[in-house]
Full PDB file with SEQRES, HELIX, SHEET, SSBOND, CRYST1, ORIGX, SCALE, CONECT and MASTER records, all heavy atoms in Angstrom:
SEQRES   1 A   43  LEU LEU PHE GLY ARG GLU SER SER GLY LEU PRO PRO TRP          
SEQRES   2 A   43  VAL ARG ASP ARG LEU PRO GLU ASN HIS ILE ARG ILE PRO          
SEQRES   3 A   43  MET LEU PRO ILE GLY ARG SER LEU ASN LEU SER ASN ALA          
SEQRES   4 A   43  VAL ALA ILE VAL                                              
HELIX    1 AA1 PRO A   12  ARG A   17  1                                   6    
HELIX    2 AA2 LEU A   36  ILE A   42  1                                   7    
CRYST1    1.000    1.000    1.000  90.00  90.00  90.00 P 1           1          
ORIGX1      1.000000  0.000000  0.000000        0.00000                         
ORIGX2      0.000000  1.000000  0.000000        0.00000                         
ORIGX3      0.000000  0.000000  1.000000        0.00000                         
SCALE1      1.000000  0.000000  0.000000        0.00000                         
SCALE2      0.000000  1.000000  0.000000        0.00000                         
SCALE3      0.000000  0.000000  1.000000        0.00000                         
ATOM      1  N   LEU A   1      32.276 -16.230  42.947  1.00  0.00           N  
ATOM      2  CA  LEU A   1      32.798 -16.202  41.586  1.00  0.00           C  
ATOM      3  C   LEU A   1      34.297 -16.476  41.649  1.00  0.00           C  
ATOM      4  O   LEU A   1      35.050 -15.700  42.237  1.00  0.00           O  
ATOM      5  CB  LEU A   1      32.551 -14.836  40.937  1.00  0.00           C  
ATOM      6  CG  LEU A   1      31.108 -14.313  40.996  1.00  0.00           C  
ATOM      7  CD1 LEU A   1      31.037 -12.895  40.451  1.00  0.00           C  
ATOM      8  CD2 LEU A   1      30.175 -15.242  40.238  1.00  0.00           C  
ATOM      9  N   LEU A   2      34.744 -17.572  41.050  1.00  0.00           N  
ATOM     10  CA  LEU A   2      36.141 -17.999  41.114  1.00  0.00           C  
ATOM     11  C   LEU A   2      36.827 -17.774  39.769  1.00  0.00           C  
ATOM     12  O   LEU A   2      36.344 -18.238  38.739  1.00  0.00           O  
ATOM     13  CB  LEU A   2      36.221 -19.477  41.501  1.00  0.00           C  
ATOM     14  CG  LEU A   2      37.587 -20.148  41.481  1.00  0.00           C  
ATOM     15  CD1 LEU A   2      38.545 -19.508  42.484  1.00  0.00           C  
ATOM     16  CD2 LEU A   2      37.437 -21.645  41.756  1.00  0.00           C  
ATOM     17  N   PHE A   3      37.969 -17.089  39.810  1.00  0.00           N  
ATOM     18  CA  PHE A   3      38.760 -16.785  38.619  1.00  0.00           C  
ATOM     19  C   PHE A   3      40.185 -17.288  38.813  1.00  0.00           C  
ATOM     20  O   PHE A   3      40.714 -17.276  39.924  1.00  0.00           O  
ATOM     21  CB  PHE A   3      38.793 -15.274  38.359  1.00  0.00           C  
ATOM     22  CG  PHE A   3      37.444 -14.698  38.055  1.00  0.00           C  
ATOM     23  CD1 PHE A   3      36.587 -14.322  39.079  1.00  0.00           C  
ATOM     24  CD2 PHE A   3      37.019 -14.537  36.746  1.00  0.00           C  
ATOM     25  CE1 PHE A   3      35.332 -13.801  38.816  1.00  0.00           C  
ATOM     26  CE2 PHE A   3      35.770 -14.015  36.469  1.00  0.00           C  
ATOM     27  CZ  PHE A   3      34.922 -13.646  37.506  1.00  0.00           C  
ATOM     28  N   GLY A   4      40.840 -17.664  37.714  1.00  0.00           N  
ATOM     29  CA  GLY A   4      42.190 -18.217  37.773  1.00  0.00           C  
ATOM     30  C   GLY A   4      43.281 -17.217  37.464  1.00  0.00           C  
ATOM     31  O   GLY A   4      43.042 -16.015  37.323  1.00  0.00           O  
ATOM     32  N   ARG A   5      44.478 -17.738  37.338  1.00  0.00           N  
ATOM     33  CA  ARG A   5      45.675 -16.947  37.049  1.00  0.00           C  
ATOM     34  C   ARG A   5      45.565 -16.256  35.687  1.00  0.00           C  
ATOM     35  O   ARG A   5      44.970 -16.788  34.761  1.00  0.00           O  
ATOM     36  CB  ARG A   5      46.906 -17.848  36.981  1.00  0.00           C  
ATOM     37  CG  ARG A   5      47.215 -18.613  38.194  1.00  0.00           C  
ATOM     38  CD  ARG A   5      48.468 -19.474  37.908  1.00  0.00           C  
ATOM     39  NE  ARG A   5      48.626 -20.471  38.943  1.00  0.00           N  
ATOM     40  CZ  ARG A   5      48.480 -21.776  38.762  1.00  0.00           C  
ATOM     41  NH1 ARG A   5      48.187 -22.259  37.578  1.00  0.00           N  
ATOM     42  NH2 ARG A   5      48.647 -22.601  39.761  1.00  0.00           N  
ATOM     43  N   GLU A   6      46.210 -15.116  35.581  1.00  0.00           N  
ATOM     44  CA  GLU A   6      46.230 -14.401  34.305  1.00  0.00           C  
ATOM     45  C   GLU A   6      46.913 -15.226  33.211  1.00  0.00           C  
ATOM     46  O   GLU A   6      46.464 -15.229  32.070  1.00  0.00           O  
ATOM     47  CB  GLU A   6      46.981 -13.062  34.449  1.00  0.00           C  
ATOM     48  CG  GLU A   6      46.239 -12.029  35.248  1.00  0.00           C  
ATOM     49  CD  GLU A   6      46.586 -12.021  36.728  1.00  0.00           C  
ATOM     50  OE1 GLU A   6      47.089 -13.046  37.257  1.00  0.00           O  
ATOM     51  OE2 GLU A   6      46.339 -10.994  37.362  1.00  0.00           O  
ATOM     52  N   SER A   7      47.977 -15.922  33.540  1.00  0.00           N  
ATOM     53  CA  SER A   7      48.759 -16.627  32.524  1.00  0.00           C  
ATOM     54  C   SER A   7      48.176 -17.968  32.102  1.00  0.00           C  
ATOM     55  O   SER A   7      48.369 -18.399  30.970  1.00  0.00           O  
ATOM     56  CB  SER A   7      50.193 -16.850  33.018  1.00  0.00           C  
ATOM     57  OG  SER A   7      50.190 -17.717  34.152  1.00  0.00           O  
ATOM     58  N   SER A   8      47.447 -18.632  32.998  1.00  0.00           N  
ATOM     59  CA  SER A   8      47.020 -19.995  32.676  1.00  0.00           C  
ATOM     60  C   SER A   8      45.622 -20.357  33.165  1.00  0.00           C  
ATOM     61  O   SER A   8      45.201 -21.502  32.997  1.00  0.00           O  
ATOM     62  CB  SER A   8      48.026 -20.993  33.250  1.00  0.00           C  
ATOM     63  OG  SER A   8      48.144 -20.816  34.655  1.00  0.00           O  
ATOM     64  N   GLY A   9      44.896 -19.431  33.752  1.00  0.00           N  
ATOM     65  CA  GLY A   9      43.553 -19.735  34.236  1.00  0.00           C  
ATOM     66  C   GLY A   9      43.581 -20.666  35.433  1.00  0.00           C  
ATOM     67  O   GLY A   9      44.550 -20.698  36.197  1.00  0.00           O  
ATOM     68  N   LEU A  10      42.529 -21.426  35.588  1.00  0.00           N  
ATOM     69  CA  LEU A  10      42.442 -22.393  36.683  1.00  0.00           C  
ATOM     70  C   LEU A  10      43.031 -23.721  36.240  1.00  0.00           C  
ATOM     71  O   LEU A  10      42.703 -24.216  35.155  1.00  0.00           O  
ATOM     72  CB  LEU A  10      40.987 -22.588  37.108  1.00  0.00           C  
ATOM     73  CG  LEU A  10      40.343 -21.388  37.784  1.00  0.00           C  
ATOM     74  CD1 LEU A  10      38.834 -21.558  37.842  1.00  0.00           C  
ATOM     75  CD2 LEU A  10      40.930 -21.182  39.172  1.00  0.00           C  
ATOM     76  N   PRO A  11      43.861 -24.323  37.053  1.00  0.00           N  
ATOM     77  CA  PRO A  11      44.425 -25.621  36.669  1.00  0.00           C  
ATOM     78  C   PRO A  11      43.345 -26.704  36.650  1.00  0.00           C  
ATOM     79  O   PRO A  11      42.308 -26.577  37.304  1.00  0.00           O  
ATOM     80  CB  PRO A  11      45.474 -25.895  37.749  1.00  0.00           C  
ATOM     81  CG  PRO A  11      45.135 -25.025  38.889  1.00  0.00           C  
ATOM     82  CD  PRO A  11      44.366 -23.857  38.348  1.00  0.00           C  
ATOM     83  N   PRO A  12      43.598 -27.786  35.922  1.00  0.00           N  
ATOM     84  CA  PRO A  12      42.608 -28.869  35.830  1.00  0.00           C  
ATOM     85  C   PRO A  12      42.154 -29.398  37.187  1.00  0.00           C  
ATOM     86  O   PRO A  12      40.972 -29.692  37.354  1.00  0.00           O  
ATOM     87  CB  PRO A  12      43.332 -29.945  35.016  1.00  0.00           C  
ATOM     88  CG  PRO A  12      44.307 -29.194  34.183  1.00  0.00           C  
ATOM     89  CD  PRO A  12      44.753 -28.041  35.048  1.00  0.00           C  
ATOM     90  N   TRP A  13      43.038 -29.499  38.166  1.00  0.00           N  
ATOM     91  CA  TRP A  13      42.625 -30.046  39.463  1.00  0.00           C  
ATOM     92  C   TRP A  13      41.592 -29.161  40.145  1.00  0.00           C  
ATOM     93  O   TRP A  13      40.711 -29.667  40.844  1.00  0.00           O  
ATOM     94  CB  TRP A  13      43.818 -30.331  40.382  1.00  0.00           C  
ATOM     95  CG  TRP A  13      44.487 -29.123  40.977  1.00  0.00           C  
ATOM     96  CD1 TRP A  13      45.593 -28.471  40.516  1.00  0.00           C  
ATOM     97  CD2 TRP A  13      44.097 -28.425  42.178  1.00  0.00           C  
ATOM     98  NE1 TRP A  13      45.911 -27.416  41.334  1.00  0.00           N  
ATOM     99  CE2 TRP A  13      45.008 -27.369  42.368  1.00  0.00           C  
ATOM    100  CE3 TRP A  13      43.067 -28.593  43.101  1.00  0.00           C  
ATOM    101  CZ2 TRP A  13      44.927 -26.477  43.438  1.00  0.00           C  
ATOM    102  CZ3 TRP A  13      42.980 -27.709  44.169  1.00  0.00           C  
ATOM    103  CH2 TRP A  13      43.900 -26.666  44.333  1.00  0.00           C  
ATOM    104  N   VAL A  14      41.639 -27.845  39.924  1.00  0.00           N  
ATOM    105  CA  VAL A  14      40.630 -26.950  40.498  1.00  0.00           C  
ATOM    106  C   VAL A  14      39.307 -27.129  39.762  1.00  0.00           C  
ATOM    107  O   VAL A  14      38.253 -27.259  40.384  1.00  0.00           O  
ATOM    108  CB  VAL A  14      41.087 -25.478  40.457  1.00  0.00           C  
ATOM    109  CG1 VAL A  14      39.950 -24.544  40.889  1.00  0.00           C  
ATOM    110  CG2 VAL A  14      42.321 -25.271  41.332  1.00  0.00           C  
ATOM    111  N   ARG A  15      39.364 -27.162  38.447  1.00  0.00           N  
ATOM    112  CA  ARG A  15      38.133 -27.363  37.664  1.00  0.00           C  
ATOM    113  C   ARG A  15      37.501 -28.708  37.991  1.00  0.00           C  
ATOM    114  O   ARG A  15      36.276 -28.815  38.109  1.00  0.00           O  
ATOM    115  CB  ARG A  15      38.437 -27.249  36.172  1.00  0.00           C  
ATOM    116  CG  ARG A  15      38.899 -25.852  35.760  1.00  0.00           C  
ATOM    117  CD  ARG A  15      38.925 -25.654  34.258  1.00  0.00           C  
ATOM    118  NE  ARG A  15      39.556 -26.701  33.499  1.00  0.00           N  
ATOM    119  CZ  ARG A  15      40.833 -26.728  33.120  1.00  0.00           C  
ATOM    120  NH1 ARG A  15      41.643 -25.734  33.456  1.00  0.00           N  
ATOM    121  NH2 ARG A  15      41.298 -27.733  32.389  1.00  0.00           N  
ATOM    122  N   ASP A  16      38.331 -29.734  38.183  1.00  0.00           N  
ATOM    123  CA  ASP A  16      37.818 -31.060  38.537  1.00  0.00           C  
ATOM    124  C   ASP A  16      37.244 -31.080  39.948  1.00  0.00           C  
ATOM    125  O   ASP A  16      36.270 -31.782  40.219  1.00  0.00           O  
ATOM    126  CB  ASP A  16      38.922 -32.111  38.419  1.00  0.00           C  
ATOM    127  CG  ASP A  16      39.377 -32.333  36.984  1.00  0.00           C  
ATOM    128  OD1 ASP A  16      38.671 -31.888  36.048  1.00  0.00           O  
ATOM    129  OD2 ASP A  16      40.455 -32.931  36.803  1.00  0.00           O  
ATOM    130  N   ARG A  17      37.835 -30.321  40.841  1.00  0.00           N  
ATOM    131  CA  ARG A  17      37.367 -30.253  42.245  1.00  0.00           C  
ATOM    132  C   ARG A  17      35.985 -29.612  42.314  1.00  0.00           C  
ATOM    133  O   ARG A  17      35.191 -29.904  43.197  1.00  0.00           O  
ATOM    134  CB  ARG A  17      38.378 -29.453  43.067  1.00  0.00           C  
ATOM    135  CG  ARG A  17      37.930 -28.992  44.441  1.00  0.00           C  
ATOM    136  CD  ARG A  17      38.224 -30.031  45.487  1.00  0.00           C  
ATOM    137  NE  ARG A  17      38.184 -29.546  46.845  1.00  0.00           N  
ATOM    138  CZ  ARG A  17      37.109 -29.139  47.507  1.00  0.00           C  
ATOM    139  NH1 ARG A  17      35.949 -29.100  46.922  1.00  0.00           N  
ATOM    140  NH2 ARG A  17      37.182 -28.772  48.770  1.00  0.00           N  
ATOM    141  N   LEU A  18      35.705 -28.715  41.366  1.00  0.00           N  
ATOM    142  CA  LEU A  18      34.429 -27.988  41.300  1.00  0.00           C  
ATOM    143  C   LEU A  18      33.810 -28.218  39.920  1.00  0.00           C  
ATOM    144  O   LEU A  18      33.818 -27.337  39.063  1.00  0.00           O  
ATOM    145  CB  LEU A  18      34.678 -26.493  41.537  1.00  0.00           C  
ATOM    146  CG  LEU A  18      35.311 -26.140  42.885  1.00  0.00           C  
ATOM    147  CD1 LEU A  18      35.911 -24.749  42.852  1.00  0.00           C  
ATOM    148  CD2 LEU A  18      34.283 -26.275  43.990  1.00  0.00           C  
ATOM    149  N   PRO A  19      33.254 -29.411  39.680  1.00  0.00           N  
ATOM    150  CA  PRO A  19      32.822 -29.766  38.320  1.00  0.00           C  
ATOM    151  C   PRO A  19      31.543 -29.081  37.846  1.00  0.00           C  
ATOM    152  O   PRO A  19      31.240 -29.108  36.657  1.00  0.00           O  
ATOM    153  CB  PRO A  19      32.620 -31.280  38.411  1.00  0.00           C  
ATOM    154  CG  PRO A  19      32.269 -31.530  39.838  1.00  0.00           C  
ATOM    155  CD  PRO A  19      33.056 -30.510  40.623  1.00  0.00           C  
ATOM    156  N   GLU A  20      30.797 -28.470  38.742  1.00  0.00           N  
ATOM    157  CA  GLU A  20      29.533 -27.834  38.350  1.00  0.00           C  
ATOM    158  C   GLU A  20      29.703 -26.328  38.218  1.00  0.00           C  
ATOM    159  O   GLU A  20      30.635 -25.747  38.738  1.00  0.00           O  
ATOM    160  CB  GLU A  20      28.450 -28.144  39.392  1.00  0.00           C  
ATOM    161  CG  GLU A  20      28.158 -29.625  39.498  1.00  0.00           C  
ATOM    162  CD  GLU A  20      27.103 -29.928  40.539  1.00  0.00           C  
ATOM    163  OE1 GLU A  20      26.418 -29.009  40.998  1.00  0.00           O  
ATOM    164  OE2 GLU A  20      26.982 -31.107  40.894  1.00  0.00           O  
ATOM    165  N   ASN A  21      28.757 -25.706  37.550  1.00  0.00           N  
ATOM    166  CA  ASN A  21      28.664 -24.256  37.460  1.00  0.00           C  
ATOM    167  C   ASN A  21      29.880 -23.607  36.803  1.00  0.00           C  
ATOM    168  O   ASN A  21      30.368 -22.573  37.251  1.00  0.00           O  
ATOM    169  CB  ASN A  21      28.411 -23.645  38.842  1.00  0.00           C  
ATOM    170  CG  ASN A  21      27.187 -24.221  39.496  1.00  0.00           C  
ATOM    171  OD1 ASN A  21      26.150 -24.383  38.853  1.00  0.00           O  
ATOM    172  ND2 ASN A  21      27.294 -24.570  40.758  1.00  0.00           N  
ATOM    173  N   HIS A  22      30.351 -24.203  35.727  1.00  0.00           N  
ATOM    174  CA  HIS A  22      31.418 -23.593  34.947  1.00  0.00           C  
ATOM    175  C   HIS A  22      30.798 -22.604  33.968  1.00  0.00           C  
ATOM    176  O   HIS A  22      29.810 -22.919  33.311  1.00  0.00           O  
ATOM    177  CB  HIS A  22      32.208 -24.652  34.187  1.00  0.00           C  
ATOM    178  CG  HIS A  22      33.063 -25.494  35.064  1.00  0.00           C  
ATOM    179  ND1 HIS A  22      34.158 -26.168  34.586  1.00  0.00           N  
ATOM    180  CD2 HIS A  22      33.017 -25.765  36.394  1.00  0.00           C  
ATOM    181  CE1 HIS A  22      34.741 -26.830  35.579  1.00  0.00           C  
ATOM    182  NE2 HIS A  22      34.053 -26.609  36.680  1.00  0.00           N  
ATOM    183  N   ILE A  23      31.386 -21.425  33.886  1.00  0.00           N  
ATOM    184  CA  ILE A  23      30.883 -20.381  32.986  1.00  0.00           C  
ATOM    185  C   ILE A  23      32.048 -19.777  32.203  1.00  0.00           C  
ATOM    186  O   ILE A  23      33.196 -19.824  32.644  1.00  0.00           O  
ATOM    187  CB  ILE A  23      30.136 -19.271  33.758  1.00  0.00           C  
ATOM    188  CG1 ILE A  23      31.003 -18.710  34.884  1.00  0.00           C  
ATOM    189  CG2 ILE A  23      28.799 -19.793  34.289  1.00  0.00           C  
ATOM    190  CD1 ILE A  23      30.424 -17.497  35.590  1.00  0.00           C  
ATOM    191  N   ARG A  24      31.707 -19.209  31.065  1.00  0.00           N  
ATOM    192  CA  ARG A  24      32.718 -18.558  30.241  1.00  0.00           C  
ATOM    193  C   ARG A  24      32.160 -17.268  29.681  1.00  0.00           C  
ATOM    194  O   ARG A  24      30.939 -17.076  29.620  1.00  0.00           O  
ATOM    195  CB  ARG A  24      33.176 -19.469  29.104  1.00  0.00           C  
ATOM    196  CG  ARG A  24      32.100 -19.773  28.080  1.00  0.00           C  
ATOM    197  CD  ARG A  24      32.558 -20.634  26.904  1.00  0.00           C  
ATOM    198  NE  ARG A  24      33.427 -19.879  26.052  1.00  0.00           N  
ATOM    199  CZ  ARG A  24      34.673 -20.235  25.707  1.00  0.00           C  
ATOM    200  NH1 ARG A  24      35.161 -21.370  26.117  1.00  0.00           N  
ATOM    201  NH2 ARG A  24      35.407 -19.480  24.949  1.00  0.00           N  
ATOM    202  N   ILE A  25      33.060 -16.402  29.266  1.00  0.00           N  
ATOM    203  CA  ILE A  25      32.690 -15.173  28.568  1.00  0.00           C  
ATOM    204  C   ILE A  25      32.897 -15.438  27.084  1.00  0.00           C  
ATOM    205  O   ILE A  25      34.013 -15.763  26.668  1.00  0.00           O  
ATOM    206  CB  ILE A  25      33.561 -13.987  29.040  1.00  0.00           C  
ATOM    207  CG1 ILE A  25      33.351 -13.746  30.536  1.00  0.00           C  
ATOM    208  CG2 ILE A  25      33.234 -12.737  28.235  1.00  0.00           C  
ATOM    209  CD1 ILE A  25      34.324 -12.753  31.141  1.00  0.00           C  
ATOM    210  N   PRO A  26      31.842 -15.349  26.274  1.00  0.00           N  
ATOM    211  CA  PRO A  26      31.997 -15.597  24.839  1.00  0.00           C  
ATOM    212  C   PRO A  26      32.972 -14.602  24.200  1.00  0.00           C  
ATOM    213  O   PRO A  26      32.976 -13.410  24.541  1.00  0.00           O  
ATOM    214  CB  PRO A  26      30.585 -15.391  24.287  1.00  0.00           C  
ATOM    215  CG  PRO A  26      29.683 -15.586  25.463  1.00  0.00           C  
ATOM    216  CD  PRO A  26      30.454 -15.062  26.641  1.00  0.00           C  
ATOM    217  N   MET A  27      33.822 -15.111  23.312  1.00  0.00           N  
ATOM    218  CA  MET A  27      34.788 -14.267  22.602  1.00  0.00           C  
ATOM    219  C   MET A  27      35.267 -14.988  21.353  1.00  0.00           C  
ATOM    220  O   MET A  27      35.041 -16.192  21.202  1.00  0.00           O  
ATOM    221  CB  MET A  27      35.965 -13.920  23.522  1.00  0.00           C  
ATOM    222  CG  MET A  27      36.808 -15.122  23.928  1.00  0.00           C  
ATOM    223  SD  MET A  27      38.063 -14.730  25.132  1.00  0.00           S  
ATOM    224  CE  MET A  27      37.179 -15.112  26.625  1.00  0.00           C  
ATOM    225  N   LEU A  28      35.910 -14.277  20.499  1.00  0.00           N  
ATOM    226  CA  LEU A  28      36.502 -14.890  19.315  1.00  0.00           C  
ATOM    227  C   LEU A  28      37.658 -15.795  19.733  1.00  0.00           C  
ATOM    228  O   LEU A  28      38.345 -15.504  20.714  1.00  0.00           O  
ATOM    229  CB  LEU A  28      37.026 -13.817  18.361  1.00  0.00           C  
ATOM    230  CG  LEU A  28      35.970 -12.973  17.655  1.00  0.00           C  
ATOM    231  CD1 LEU A  28      36.634 -11.860  16.851  1.00  0.00           C  
ATOM    232  CD2 LEU A  28      35.104 -13.833  16.748  1.00  0.00           C  
ATOM    233  N   PRO A  29      37.911 -16.851  18.987  1.00  0.00           N  
ATOM    234  CA  PRO A  29      38.977 -17.783  19.358  1.00  0.00           C  
ATOM    235  C   PRO A  29      40.368 -17.326  18.917  1.00  0.00           C  
ATOM    236  O   PRO A  29      41.235 -18.137  18.623  1.00  0.00           O  
ATOM    237  CB  PRO A  29      38.555 -19.072  18.638  1.00  0.00           C  
ATOM    238  CG  PRO A  29      37.846 -18.593  17.423  1.00  0.00           C  
ATOM    239  CD  PRO A  29      37.115 -17.341  17.860  1.00  0.00           C  
ATOM    240  N   ILE A  30      40.605 -16.019  18.870  1.00  0.00           N  
ATOM    241  CA  ILE A  30      41.910 -15.513  18.431  1.00  0.00           C  
ATOM    242  C   ILE A  30      42.830 -15.186  19.602  1.00  0.00           C  
ATOM    243  O   ILE A  30      43.996 -14.873  19.393  1.00  0.00           O  
ATOM    244  CB  ILE A  30      41.745 -14.262  17.537  1.00  0.00           C  
ATOM    245  CG1 ILE A  30      40.989 -13.161  18.287  1.00  0.00           C  
ATOM    246  CG2 ILE A  30      41.031 -14.640  16.245  1.00  0.00           C  
ATOM    247  CD1 ILE A  30      40.922 -11.850  17.545  1.00  0.00           C  
ATOM    248  N   GLY A  31      42.305 -15.248  20.812  1.00  0.00           N  
ATOM    249  CA  GLY A  31      43.117 -14.957  21.988  1.00  0.00           C  
ATOM    250  C   GLY A  31      42.828 -15.960  23.074  1.00  0.00           C  
ATOM    251  O   GLY A  31      41.853 -16.706  23.021  1.00  0.00           O  
ATOM    252  N   ARG A  32      43.705 -15.990  24.069  1.00  0.00           N  
ATOM    253  CA  ARG A  32      43.564 -16.959  25.167  1.00  0.00           C  
ATOM    254  C   ARG A  32      42.388 -16.585  26.074  1.00  0.00           C  
ATOM    255  O   ARG A  32      41.594 -17.426  26.444  1.00  0.00           O  
ATOM    256  CB  ARG A  32      44.876 -17.019  25.952  1.00  0.00           C  
ATOM    257  CG  ARG A  32      44.874 -18.016  27.065  1.00  0.00           C  
ATOM    258  CD  ARG A  32      46.225 -18.096  27.772  1.00  0.00           C  
ATOM    259  NE  ARG A  32      46.605 -16.822  28.348  1.00  0.00           N  
ATOM    260  CZ  ARG A  32      47.734 -16.162  28.041  1.00  0.00           C  
ATOM    261  NH1 ARG A  32      48.575 -16.658  27.186  1.00  0.00           N  
ATOM    262  NH2 ARG A  32      47.999 -15.004  28.603  1.00  0.00           N  
ATOM    263  N   SER A  33      42.322 -15.309  26.465  1.00  0.00           N  
ATOM    264  CA  SER A  33      41.247 -14.883  27.362  1.00  0.00           C  
ATOM    265  C   SER A  33      41.255 -13.362  27.472  1.00  0.00           C  
ATOM    266  O   SER A  33      42.195 -12.698  27.025  1.00  0.00           O  
ATOM    267  CB  SER A  33      41.437 -15.497  28.760  1.00  0.00           C  
ATOM    268  OG  SER A  33      42.638 -15.025  29.337  1.00  0.00           O  
ATOM    269  N   LEU A  34      40.235 -12.838  28.100  1.00  0.00           N  
ATOM    270  CA  LEU A  34      40.189 -11.408  28.395  1.00  0.00           C  
ATOM    271  C   LEU A  34      41.099 -11.097  29.572  1.00  0.00           C  
ATOM    272  O   LEU A  34      41.470 -11.982  30.348  1.00  0.00           O  
ATOM    273  CB  LEU A  34      38.765 -10.997  28.760  1.00  0.00           C  
ATOM    274  CG  LEU A  34      37.729 -11.017  27.654  1.00  0.00           C  
ATOM    275  CD1 LEU A  34      36.352 -10.717  28.226  1.00  0.00           C  
ATOM    276  CD2 LEU A  34      38.076 -10.023  26.566  1.00  0.00           C  
ATOM    277  N   ASN A  35      41.417  -9.839  29.741  1.00  0.00           N  
ATOM    278  CA  ASN A  35      42.142  -9.381  30.914  1.00  0.00           C  
ATOM    279  C   ASN A  35      41.352  -9.768  32.160  1.00  0.00           C  
ATOM    280  O   ASN A  35      40.125  -9.661  32.189  1.00  0.00           O  
ATOM    281  CB  ASN A  35      42.322  -7.859  30.827  1.00  0.00           C  
ATOM    282  CG  ASN A  35      42.921  -7.282  32.062  1.00  0.00           C  
ATOM    283  OD1 ASN A  35      42.206  -7.042  33.026  1.00  0.00           O  
ATOM    284  ND2 ASN A  35      44.218  -7.076  32.047  1.00  0.00           N  
ATOM    285  N   LEU A  36      42.045 -10.214  33.200  1.00  0.00           N  
ATOM    286  CA  LEU A  36      41.383 -10.707  34.408  1.00  0.00           C  
ATOM    287  C   LEU A  36      40.475  -9.660  35.041  1.00  0.00           C  
ATOM    288  O   LEU A  36      39.347  -9.970  35.425  1.00  0.00           O  
ATOM    289  CB  LEU A  36      42.424 -11.193  35.424  1.00  0.00           C  
ATOM    290  CG  LEU A  36      41.865 -11.721  36.745  1.00  0.00           C  
ATOM    291  CD1 LEU A  36      40.965 -12.930  36.528  1.00  0.00           C  
ATOM    292  CD2 LEU A  36      43.016 -12.060  37.695  1.00  0.00           C  
ATOM    293  N   SER A  37      40.940  -8.427  35.166  1.00  0.00           N  
ATOM    294  CA  SER A  37      40.089  -7.426  35.816  1.00  0.00           C  
ATOM    295  C   SER A  37      38.843  -7.134  34.990  1.00  0.00           C  
ATOM    296  O   SER A  37      37.767  -6.905  35.539  1.00  0.00           O  
ATOM    297  CB  SER A  37      40.867  -6.146  36.124  1.00  0.00           C  
ATOM    298  OG  SER A  37      41.346  -5.535  34.958  1.00  0.00           O  
ATOM    299  N   ASN A  38      38.967  -7.187  33.654  1.00  0.00           N  
ATOM    300  CA  ASN A  38      37.781  -7.021  32.805  1.00  0.00           C  
ATOM    301  C   ASN A  38      36.824  -8.188  32.977  1.00  0.00           C  
ATOM    302  O   ASN A  38      35.606  -8.002  33.064  1.00  0.00           O  
ATOM    303  CB  ASN A  38      38.183  -6.896  31.336  1.00  0.00           C  
ATOM    304  CG  ASN A  38      38.914  -5.608  31.042  1.00  0.00           C  
ATOM    305  OD1 ASN A  38      38.811  -4.638  31.777  1.00  0.00           O  
ATOM    306  ND2 ASN A  38      39.672  -5.608  29.964  1.00  0.00           N  
ATOM    307  N   ALA A  39      37.364  -9.406  33.011  1.00  0.00           N  
ATOM    308  CA  ALA A  39      36.520 -10.596  33.161  1.00  0.00           C  
ATOM    309  C   ALA A  39      35.764 -10.563  34.486  1.00  0.00           C  
ATOM    310  O   ALA A  39      34.564 -10.859  34.539  1.00  0.00           O  
ATOM    311  CB  ALA A  39      37.371 -11.863  33.060  1.00  0.00           C  
ATOM    312  N   VAL A  40      36.444 -10.191  35.559  1.00  0.00           N  
ATOM    313  CA  VAL A  40      35.780 -10.099  36.863  1.00  0.00           C  
ATOM    314  C   VAL A  40      34.663  -9.075  36.805  1.00  0.00           C  
ATOM    315  O   VAL A  40      33.538  -9.335  37.262  1.00  0.00           O  
ATOM    316  CB  VAL A  40      36.782  -9.761  37.985  1.00  0.00           C  
ATOM    317  CG1 VAL A  40      36.055  -9.403  39.282  1.00  0.00           C  
ATOM    318  CG2 VAL A  40      37.742 -10.929  38.219  1.00  0.00           C  
ATOM    319  N   ALA A  41      34.933  -7.913  36.228  1.00  0.00           N  
ATOM    320  CA  ALA A  41      33.912  -6.864  36.158  1.00  0.00           C  
ATOM    321  C   ALA A  41      32.697  -7.316  35.352  1.00  0.00           C  
ATOM    322  O   ALA A  41      31.552  -7.093  35.757  1.00  0.00           O  
ATOM    323  CB  ALA A  41      34.508  -5.588  35.569  1.00  0.00           C  
ATOM    324  N   ILE A  42      32.925  -7.968  34.237  1.00  0.00           N  
ATOM    325  CA  ILE A  42      31.818  -8.431  33.392  1.00  0.00           C  
ATOM    326  C   ILE A  42      30.917  -9.395  34.160  1.00  0.00           C  
ATOM    327  O   ILE A  42      29.695  -9.227  34.213  1.00  0.00           O  
ATOM    328  CB  ILE A  42      32.360  -9.095  32.109  1.00  0.00           C  
ATOM    329  CG1 ILE A  42      32.951  -8.034  31.179  1.00  0.00           C  
ATOM    330  CG2 ILE A  42      31.276  -9.903  31.399  1.00  0.00           C  
ATOM    331  CD1 ILE A  42      33.774  -8.612  30.036  1.00  0.00           C  
ATOM    332  N   VAL A  43      31.496 -10.410  34.753  1.00  0.00           N  
ATOM    333  CA  VAL A  43      30.708 -11.443  35.434  1.00  0.00           C  
ATOM    334  C   VAL A  43      30.109 -10.899  36.730  1.00  0.00           C  
ATOM    335  O   VAL A  43      28.925 -11.131  37.022  1.00  0.00           O  
ATOM    336  CB  VAL A  43      31.559 -12.705  35.694  1.00  0.00           C  
ATOM    337  CG1 VAL A  43      30.761 -13.745  36.475  1.00  0.00           C  
ATOM    338  CG2 VAL A  43      32.043 -13.296  34.374  1.00  0.00           C  
TER     339      VAL A  43                                                      
MASTER        0    0    0    2    0    0    0    6  338    1    0    4          
END                                                                             
């Protein structure tokens, strides 16, 4: 399970390097993302 930086997530070159098996945590579009430690625990 690969997670990115708190401030900016995974850069495009990492996502492009690993084009398969992208997953997200559903949320309202009012924030950038969940706290990293919460996201890791959920997944």
